[in-house]
Amino acid sequence: MDQEIENIQIESEVQNEILLAALKLFVEKGYFNTSLIDIKDAVGIETIGTIYQHFKTKQMIAAQLHANILDSLSVSIDDIRCKNEKPSEQLRGIVDLLFKLTDEAPNVMRFLLILNIKEFLPEAKPLHETAAVIKIIRIIESGIKVGEIRNVTPQLGYAEFFGIIDNTLRLVLSGFLDRKADFYQSQTWLAAWNTIVKK
């Protein structure tokens, strides 16, 4: 039994290493310019067969990465909602998370915001149909109901608010804004919040 558990842990570690290596390569070289040999070499494993034990295709690696990132984001949003009562505080918590991820896990944010996922995962839901974004739209709806956010279609409120947030983060990730995301966080929050706050 102990040997089985150890084998499962090793398998899981190898799978995670494959995913991390693929993430780095996809954002640096592009999905189509990354081969399974590149991933194998980045992980430091001897044969592509080891990758095939975990993923049948490169597209399956990308799909797993996409699912993991969106699931993690959705769970984090749930956590933020539980810890903060007001919709404004919940939105602030989500913005804090996104700016922190941009500084601490830039490849995750590049995968999410910069890569054109539809090019290599045509079956993937658009970002606005994912659980994470639907939860954010519910927060905005709640903010409208309690009078924190002006009376606007929640989807438009999302577009106005996160248009500013996403654009700033993209500019940081691309190097157009040359400081860490944290430097721009307060100004960006104020600009975004002023687009939807009830005055």
Protein backbone atom coordinates (compact mmCIF):
# COMPACT_ATOMS: atom_id res chain seq x y z
CA MET A 1 0.00 0.00 0.00
CA ASP A 2 2.81 2.45 0.90
CA GLN A 3 4.56 1.65 -2.41
CA GLU A 4 1.33 2.41 -4.32
CA ILE A 5 0.98 5.78 -2.59
CA GLU A 6 4.62 6.60 -3.31
CA ASN A 7 4.16 5.68 -6.99
CA ILE A 8 1.06 7.90 -7.24
CA GLN A 9 2.98 10.80 -5.67
CA ILE A 10 5.87 10.37 -8.13
CA GLU A 11 3.41 10.19 -11.05
CA SER A 12 1.74 13.37 -9.82
CA GLU A 13 5.10 15.15 -9.47
CA VAL A 14 6.11 14.21 -13.01
CA GLN A 15 2.74 15.39 -14.34
CA ASN A 16 3.14 18.73 -12.53
CA GLU A 17 6.67 19.13 -13.90
CA ILE A 18 5.36 18.53 -17.43
CA LEU A 19 2.62 21.12 -16.93
CA LEU A 20 5.01 23.73 -15.49
CA ALA A 21 7.54 23.21 -18.28
CA ALA A 22 4.81 23.42 -20.93
CA LEU A 23 3.39 26.59 -19.37
CA LYS A 24 6.78 28.30 -19.53
CA LEU A 25 7.41 27.19 -23.10
CA PHE A 26 3.92 28.07 -24.34
CA VAL A 27 4.18 31.66 -23.07
CA GLU A 28 7.80 32.14 -24.16
CA LYS A 29 7.80 30.41 -27.57
CA GLY A 30 4.11 30.12 -28.33
CA TYR A 31 1.99 27.00 -28.37
CA PHE A 32 2.63 26.14 -32.01
CA ASN A 33 6.40 26.69 -31.69
CA THR A 34 6.64 24.30 -28.73
CA SER A 35 7.14 20.61 -29.40
CA LEU A 36 6.81 17.63 -27.09
CA ILE A 37 10.59 17.25 -27.46
CA ASP A 38 10.99 20.81 -26.10
CA ILE A 39 8.80 19.89 -23.13
CA LYS A 40 10.69 16.63 -22.57
CA ASP A 41 14.01 18.49 -22.59
CA ALA A 42 12.71 21.22 -20.26
CA VAL A 43 11.50 18.62 -17.75
CA GLY A 44 14.74 16.66 -18.05
CA ILE A 45 13.18 13.30 -18.80
CA GLU A 46 14.75 10.81 -21.19
CA THR A 47 11.93 9.95 -23.57
CA ILE A 48 8.73 11.43 -24.92
CA GLY A 49 7.11 8.18 -23.82
CA THR A 50 7.10 9.53 -20.26
CA ILE A 51 4.97 12.46 -21.44
CA TYR A 52 2.62 10.08 -23.27
CA GLN A 53 2.08 8.20 -19.98
CA HIS A 54 0.40 11.38 -18.69
CA PHE A 55 -0.88 13.21 -21.78
CA LYS A 56 -1.74 11.75 -25.18
CA THR A 57 -1.17 15.06 -27.04
CA LYS A 58 0.28 18.53 -26.61
CA GLN A 59 -3.27 19.86 -26.82
CA MET A 60 -4.21 17.75 -23.79
CA ILE A 61 -1.36 19.39 -21.86
CA ALA A 62 -2.69 22.83 -22.83
CA ALA A 63 -6.25 21.83 -21.92
CA GLN A 64 -5.13 20.59 -18.49
CA LEU A 65 -3.19 23.81 -17.88
CA HIS A 66 -6.19 25.90 -18.88
CA ALA A 67 -8.53 23.91 -16.62
CA ASN A 68 -6.11 24.04 -13.67
CA ILE A 69 -5.65 27.82 -13.93
CA LEU A 70 -9.39 28.51 -14.22
CA ASP A 71 -10.25 26.08 -11.39
CA SER A 72 -7.67 27.67 -9.13
CA LEU A 73 -8.97 31.15 -9.94
CA SER A 74 -12.55 30.08 -9.25
CA VAL A 75 -11.58 28.56 -5.87
CA SER A 76 -9.65 31.73 -4.96
CA ILE A 77 -12.69 33.87 -5.81
CA ASP A 78 -14.87 31.68 -3.56
CA ASP A 79 -12.35 32.19 -0.76
CA ILE A 80 -12.34 35.98 -1.28
CA ARG A 81 -16.15 36.06 -1.26
CA CYS A 82 -16.26 34.12 2.02
CA LYS A 83 -13.77 36.45 3.72
CA ASN A 84 -15.32 39.75 2.60
CA GLU A 85 -18.92 40.83 3.04
CA LYS A 86 -19.20 43.91 0.82
CA PRO A 87 -19.10 43.52 -2.98
CA SER A 88 -16.53 46.36 -3.15
CA GLU A 89 -14.25 44.44 -0.76
CA GLN A 90 -14.71 41.26 -2.81
CA LEU A 91 -13.78 43.05 -6.03
CA ARG A 92 -10.78 44.61 -4.29
CA GLY A 93 -9.69 41.15 -3.13
CA ILE A 94 -9.92 39.79 -6.68
CA VAL A 95 -7.92 42.73 -8.04
CA ASP A 96 -5.30 42.19 -5.32
CA LEU A 97 -5.09 38.52 -6.34
CA LEU A 98 -4.67 39.30 -10.05
CA PHE A 99 -1.94 41.87 -9.41
CA LYS A 100 -0.16 39.49 -7.04
CA LEU A 101 -0.31 36.69 -9.63
CA THR A 102 1.06 39.04 -12.29
CA ASP A 103 4.13 39.69 -10.13
CA GLU A 104 4.56 36.22 -8.62
CA ALA A 105 3.24 33.90 -11.37
CA PRO A 106 3.55 35.93 -14.59
CA ASN A 107 3.44 32.86 -16.84
CA VAL A 108 0.04 31.90 -15.44
CA MET A 109 -1.25 35.40 -16.22
CA ARG A 110 0.35 35.42 -19.68
CA PHE A 111 -1.38 32.11 -20.42
CA LEU A 112 -4.69 33.55 -19.22
CA LEU A 113 -4.53 37.07 -20.68
CA ILE A 114 -2.11 37.12 -23.59
CA LEU A 115 -2.19 33.76 -25.37
CA ASN A 116 -5.05 33.31 -27.81
CA ILE A 117 -6.45 30.14 -26.24
CA LYS A 118 -9.01 29.64 -29.04
CA GLU A 119 -6.18 29.07 -31.54
CA PHE A 120 -5.13 25.83 -29.89
CA LEU A 121 -8.12 24.98 -27.69
CA PRO A 122 -11.05 25.74 -30.01
CA GLU A 123 -13.50 23.91 -27.72
CA ALA A 124 -12.59 26.03 -24.68
CA LYS A 125 -15.29 28.29 -23.30
CA PRO A 126 -14.70 32.01 -23.77
CA LEU A 127 -13.34 33.59 -20.58
CA HIS A 128 -16.63 35.41 -19.91
CA GLU A 129 -18.45 32.05 -19.73
CA THR A 130 -16.10 30.50 -17.15
CA ALA A 131 -17.12 29.95 -13.52
CA ALA A 132 -14.64 32.59 -12.31
CA VAL A 133 -16.09 35.38 -14.45
CA ILE A 134 -19.69 34.35 -13.73
CA LYS A 135 -18.88 34.65 -10.00
CA ILE A 136 -17.44 38.13 -10.55
CA ILE A 137 -20.57 39.18 -12.45
CA ARG A 138 -22.65 37.95 -9.48
CA ILE A 139 -20.53 40.13 -7.18
CA ILE A 140 -21.28 43.12 -9.42
CA GLU A 141 -25.01 42.24 -9.39
CA SER A 142 -24.85 42.12 -5.60
CA GLY A 143 -23.09 45.50 -5.55
CA ILE A 144 -25.88 47.00 -7.63
CA LYS A 145 -28.54 45.56 -5.28
CA VAL A 146 -26.91 46.97 -2.13
CA GLY A 147 -26.24 50.34 -3.76
CA GLU A 148 -22.44 50.26 -3.97
CA ILE A 149 -22.40 50.00 -7.74
CA ARG A 150 -24.40 52.18 -10.12
CA ASN A 151 -27.36 50.69 -11.94
CA VAL A 152 -25.73 49.14 -14.99
CA THR A 153 -26.05 45.82 -16.79
CA PRO A 154 -23.74 43.54 -14.72
CA GLN A 155 -21.97 42.34 -17.87
CA LEU A 156 -21.28 45.95 -18.89
CA GLY A 157 -20.09 46.70 -15.34
CA TYR A 158 -17.72 43.74 -15.63
CA ALA A 159 -16.48 44.96 -19.04
CA GLU A 160 -15.88 48.51 -17.79
CA PHE A 161 -14.24 47.49 -14.53
CA PHE A 162 -12.10 44.59 -15.73
CA GLY A 163 -11.31 46.26 -19.04
CA ILE A 164 -9.07 48.63 -17.08
CA ILE A 165 -7.67 45.89 -14.82
CA ASP A 166 -6.94 43.45 -17.67
CA ASN A 167 -5.42 46.11 -19.92
CA THR A 168 -3.06 47.29 -17.17
CA LEU A 169 -1.96 43.74 -16.41
CA ARG A 170 -1.39 43.00 -20.11
CA LEU A 171 0.77 46.12 -20.40
CA VAL A 172 2.83 45.02 -17.38
CA LEU A 173 3.22 41.49 -18.76
CA SER A 174 4.28 42.79 -22.17
CA GLY A 175 6.83 45.19 -20.65
CA PHE A 176 5.11 48.36 -21.91
CA LEU A 177 4.65 49.33 -18.25
CA ASP A 178 8.14 48.74 -16.91
CA ARG A 179 7.54 48.33 -13.16
CA LYS A 180 6.03 45.48 -11.19
CA ALA A 181 2.24 45.26 -11.25
CA ASP A 182 2.11 46.19 -7.57
CA PHE A 183 3.37 49.70 -8.44
CA TYR A 184 0.26 50.36 -10.56
CA GLN A 185 -2.28 48.59 -8.36
CA SER A 186 -3.74 51.52 -6.38
CA GLN A 187 -4.11 53.80 -9.40
CA THR A 188 -5.64 51.00 -11.47
CA TRP A 189 -8.09 50.07 -8.72
CA LEU A 190 -9.27 53.69 -8.41
CA ALA A 191 -9.66 54.09 -12.17
CA ALA A 192 -11.60 50.80 -12.48
CA TRP A 193 -13.75 51.37 -9.39
CA ASN A 194 -14.69 54.89 -10.55
CA THR A 195 -16.20 53.40 -13.73
CA ILE A 196 -18.84 51.47 -11.76
CA VAL A 197 -19.18 53.04 -8.30
CA LYS A 198 -22.51 54.65 -7.46
CA LYS A 199 -21.82 58.35 -6.89
